[in-house]
Each structure stands twice: as structure tokens, then as C-alpha cells.
Amino acid sequence: MSLRPKSANWFEVVVPKHECSATTEALAATGKVQFECASERGARELFAELSEPLDNFRTLLPAYRNWWPEPLFEERCCVVPMAQAARHALGRLRVWQRRAQPRLDELHDLRARQAELSLWRDILDRLAGSDLDLNALSESGPLLKGLCLLLPASADPSPFARLLSLPLPLGNRRAILALVRREDTADYCRQAEALQGSCLCIPTWFQGPGGEMRDRLEAQVAGVEERIERLGEELRQLAGRSGIARALGVLQRLDWLTSHAEEVVLTADDCWITGWTTAGDEAALNRALAAAGVDAKAQFLDAPDHVRSPAILDNPSWARPYEVFTRAMGMPAANEADPSAWLAILVPLMFGYMCGDLGHGLVIALAGLLLRRRWSLAWLLVYCGLAASGFGLLYGDIFGLEGLITPLWLRPLDDPLLTLAVPLAGGAVVLTLGLLLNSVQLCWVSRQPLAWVADVAQVCVYWGLILAFYRPVMLWLALTGVLLCVVYRLGVERVGKAIFATFGELVENTLQLLLNTLSFVRVGAFALAHAGLSSAVLALADGLSNHLVYILVMVLGNAVIILLEGLVVSIQTTRLILFEFFVRFFHGQGRVFEPTHSPPSVARGQRHES
């Protein structure tokens, strides 16, 4: 564990151009690499020769993926130049498309036929019990023709008002069964389409009573579905014979390469791969390259001046849940302090002080243990619940029943002033810690070796005024801080007016610190509120003579306290951490390490040994 984040290591690998794909895939598959270009010119424009075949591939994929098999990934993506491999793989897809087109066209017609049959099924359901003979409509003689006009429910049906028709509501549509003159059929169909509808001719095989028509309809549906299934199987078999699986493997890997390895630099003959890694040494990357059959070695070098290292939070497992507070304000840079380990102490202390109850704390900790597999932050509940249980022992409180255990320290309601005073002192310590962390950061980044003096002087003034409330003689500490700050500013600026500026800044900062210290009174106030609520629930239950009702009131009352105060106290703890503690030192100007996603040959699919 370190006081500040770790910096990622800068690595470089140079391989022949034909090894570019295999090398980037092997490095990305480790999950420890973030590619970043060391040159001003990356591979984005140099991959332009791949753009046309890959654009065509992305167009074809959503249209035909249902008929294509899972991609098959060879040990190596390309044994020929990448552009040639992409064009060859795309050619296989085009050959399949050309051979499959007659079946695809038939399939398209069958889908439309299937939708039409589904519509007639709905119409027959609406006509159940009716004496209407659809066959009579379909065969109305040489002059008339039966139509089904489909319109949106909101469409105006007035253009068809003069027709001999039967309107049928169909959900968000309206069906109109009508008789029209044969020469007017095209006109009425155009009018229906103009209203965002459609036009269907009544089938001639609709004959006999409703039951027989339904049987004929279902026979038609079954035949269409059987043919669709047969065509789908033929398309998939054709894909297998056309080598689509291997073609998809090549194109998906090249698509990944152009999407995730745009920071790679290509020259006429070589591929220069650079970036950041969390690996501790070159050996981990070199093992991955050797396993992929790449004859190259990764080297750890000094990063170029124009690139900034991403930060990596390096905390033990017990401190990692508290990184959520740190990340809420940004990522600490390499020259900033990582406060996660400090929060592992401060957060449970604040939470436990405000929710001090042995029983409540154990319930919260148990809830965290039950949720730990489903919720990454559940360990916060465990730690804060245990802290609340500890303070419950100090307060002698278990589910509000204060007489069951003897307090190891005090009962909040018996000594409210001390209950409020302790968080004030704790708040002063927390604010001082923030100032000291800022001083440490100044030592890391400032070119002035004594830049930390101003913060140390501020701490002296702050504590001098606090201690003067108890012993006035401690004002000498505050005066020492003022003198120290003035001397430092004069030494840096060498201008007499710096004295007045220094004094003004000290007054402003000290007043702000004292006001921020008062914010921590809320910790004690919530501890008193918690004890008050528990006493109220207990008093309400004691007034009941029925034992079952007594137990019910105690259970429900304590459940409400746990849920309500757990939420409120969590919010207050977060507020104190982010807006009282973090503002003293935390800037969050760092970069997050974002490892490149694994290539598709590793993320999913089947590997094939060639």
C-alpha cells in the first residue's frame, strides 16, 4: 500500500508489419495493456486500406448474422497482409450472398406471406360467430372484387364511406372488408397506402363455414413455416460450405484491431506498438507474446514527455471498497495522495458514531455479507455495521434496550455535550489531516522545497485558536503560525505588501476551517437523534400490554430506524468526506487506466489450431 497511486509502466514493442495483428491481440489479451501512441501520428489513417472491406462487413453482418455460424478463429489472424486477408474474407461473404440471394428473396416473400396470414387469423377471430361468407366476397363476379383495406386506427376512413364494407377493429389498426369494382381496385389500394395503410385481396381458398376456413388458414400457415425453416437450414448449410466461419473470424479480428489499436504506428515495414501496462515487468508481456508465436520482446522505457501516465489505485482488499469515494471526485494523479486507506478508518468511525447500536450494526453487517456477491459496495455495509456495533457497546445500546448491557463509555442522552464535543475534536483532526496531505503533495510537485511551510503555519494558527478556548496561553501557537507564514511569504515574494496579503489569507482560511469544524457537530447530533428514536420506539412498546404487539412494534420500529437512519447517515458521512475533507487536498486530475478490450478470439468464440 502506498500513500499515492502507482504509475503504469511505459512499454514498447517493434515487430514486422505482418505481425501487427498477432502482437496487439496477444498484448490486449493479458488485460494489462492500454495502447497509446508515442508518435503524433497513429495508425488510424494508416489503417485506411482496411476501411472499405470492414465497412462492407459491418453492413452485411446485421442483415445476415442469423444465417451465419459462430466465427472460427485461427491461431493467427492473417498469414497474408491484413488488407489482402480482409478482401479475401469479404469475398467469401459476397460469394455466399450471391448464391443465397434466390433463397433470401423467397424467404422475404414468405415472411410477407406469413404476416398476411397472421392478419387473416385476426380477422377470422373477429368474425367468429358471424354469417359473413368471405368466399362470396372473394368471388363476386366479373365486375366486383373483395378487398381488405388495412388502415391505422387514427386514419380518416371517409374516402371509403360509400363502399359496401364491414369495418373491423384490430388493435391499433382498422380492417375494412369491402366490395369494389375491379377497375377501381388500384385506386382504393393507393388511397389506403396514402393513409399509411395497405391493401389485401381476399383469398379464393376462403371457402365454407368459419371452422373450415380456419383449418385451411392453419394449413397455409404450417406450410409457410415449414418452408421458412427449410430455407433457413439451406442458408446455414451454404454458409458452412462457403467458409463463412473462418471469414468472420478474420474480419472480426481486423475490426477489433482498427477499433482498439488505433494508437499503433505502422511504417512501410514495421509495426511500433506502445502504451501503458500494469504488469510489474517485461516478463509477463513477453510470455504472452511467446505463447502467440510472436518473435519479439517488450521493453519498459521512460515515457515520452508529452504523454501522462494513467494512475492505478494500489490498495489492499479491505480499503478497495472506499475507492468509490475517491472516484466520485475524480482519479488522483501520480503526484496526489490516494485517501482510500484513510477513508477505511474515517468512514466507519463517523457512521458508527452516528448509528451506535449493537443490534442495528449486526443487522447492517449481515445485510452486507448477504449482498457481497451481488453488490461490489456491500463490504462498506459490513465495515460500517461492525463499527456501529462497536459504538453500540460503548453506548450500552442494543435495539434501543439500554439496560441489557453496561456502556463501556457513555449513554449519548445522559451526556449530550460530550457527545457533541467529541465529533468536533475529531473533525479538527480530519481537517488537519487534509492540510497535511496537501503539504505532502506540495513536496511532491513543487519546485520550492519549503512550499509545505504555508500549510504547516495554517495548522499552527488553526490549532492555536482551538486550544486557546481551553488554555488561553496556547495563543502563542497561533501567533507562531502567523509569523512563520509571513516570513515564508517574504522569503518567496520579497515584497513588503506580501505581509498584508498573507494576513488576509490566514484570516479567511482560518475562519473557513473553524466553520467547517462546526459541520462535524452533526455527527454528534445524529448520535443523539438515533438514541432519541430508539427511546421513542421503546417507550411506545412499553405502553402495550399484548406481548405479540410489543414484539411487532419493536421489530417494525427498529427496522424503520435502520433503514431511515442508515440512508441519512450514509449521506451525511459522504458529505463530510467529500466537501470537508477532500477539498483540502484532492484535485482528481489523474487519468484512469483503461485496459484495451480483449480481442474477439479471446473474448468469445472458438479457437482453432491450424
Foldseek 3Di string as FASTA:
>chain_A
DDQFFDFFFKKKWKAWQQCVLLLVQLLLLVVFFAFAAQDPAFCLVVCVLLVVLLVVVVVVCVVCVLLEDAAEAELDLDPDDLSVLSVVLSVLVVVLCVVLVVLVVVLVVLVVVLVVLVVVVQVLVQCVPPPDQLLCQCPVDQFKFKKKQKAFPPFDPVVCVPFPWDWDDDPRIIIITTIDTPVCVVVVQVVSVVRVIGMDGRDNPRDDDSVVNVVVSVVVNVVSVVSSVVSSVVSNVSNVVSVNNNSVNSSQSVVLCSVRVRSWHDDPTMIMIIGTGNDPAQPVSVVSCVVSVGPIGMHGDDRDPVDFTFTHHDDPPLQVLQCVLVPVQAAFGRLATDCSVVCSVQLLQLLLLLLQAQALLVVQLVVLVVCVVPDVNSVVSNSNSVSSNVSNQQQCHHLLPNPPHDHPHHNCVVPVVVLLVVLLVVLLVLLLVLLVSQLSSCCRPPPDNCPSLLSVLLNQLLVLVVCCVVPVVSVVSNVVSLVSQQVVQCVVVVDPCVSVVSVVVSVVVSVVSSVLSSLSSVSSVSNVVNSVLSNVLQVVLVVDDDPVVSVVSSVVSSVCSSVVVVVVSVVSSSCNCNPVRCVSHPDNPGHHDDRGNNRCCSVDDHYDHD
